[in-house]
Amino acid sequence: MSDAHDVDGARLKLANQILSICLAATSVTRVWKPYFYEQHFDLAPDLRDKLFVVMISGMLDTANSHQDRIAQLKKECDKTPIPTGKYYLDRFQDHIALLVDLLSIIPEAQFARLALMRNQWVHGYWESSTKNIRKFRCVVDGKVIQRKVPTAEFNDMQVIRAPDETLIACRERFFSEPTFFWISDAFMAKPEVQEIIYNDLRRSKSGLPEAVFNFPAPGFKPTLLDRHSYPWFKSFNECVEFGVNSERTPDPAAPRR
């Protein structure tokens, strides 16, 4: 009885840890994304620019921290078997890869500017300006890395103009990029889908996932029309019907037009 109780406790703990990856991967966009799409914020582009700094910083932190965490949890699945654990971790890893791919469109110098703005606006941190070496994260060759550059080089990356002038082009470029990331994000962020995943992690014995993620081939870029016609952007009932495991195999990619 005690051994069974220990196993159940270990499985519940691991299920919570795996679900936390899903929650963490969507929490940043869930909080900040509405400010970029709701029409009444069209009248406040300067506010959007400042929130863009916060959101990109959070997305970069997410991409940086969770790849290693996912690898650790996969090892835990070998010790405490959860039949669908590695499936969901693989899908969350696919989601993070989409995030890194989207962030990669931001130039390295722009990441340096965003880091400076974040430190000053969010943390009130100016001390780094007196240091000889400056640090910031960016995406290079599909990976999040920490760059260390001399202060003189870091300063050369800054643009001596009003912050909003340097941000608006980056923000508009970011949100116009054709990407599957927002489709995956919309699916994973639904509380009902997260509940399906959590119940599956705690109770599944078959190894067949209840929430099915279907990612297109690497490099696929949906058009704006594709993004709105894909089943994950339709009503939730259709979304669940599409996403819950059955004998029917869902179409793995959005229609190509």
Foldseek 3Di string as FASTA:
>chain_A
DVVVVVLLVLLLVLLVLLLVLLCLQQVLCVVQVVCVPDVVNVVPLVVNLLSVLVSLVSLLVSLQPCVVVLVVSVVVCVVRPQLQSNVSSVVSVVLSLLSLVLQQVDDPLVQLVSVVSCCCVPVVDDVCLPDQWDWTWGRDPSHIDIDIDGSVVSVVSDDPDPSSVVRPVVVVVSVQFFGCNVLSSLQSPDPVNSVQSSCSSSDPDPSDRQFAAAADDPPDGDHPVQSCPDQSNDDVVSNSVQGGDDPDDHDRGTDDD
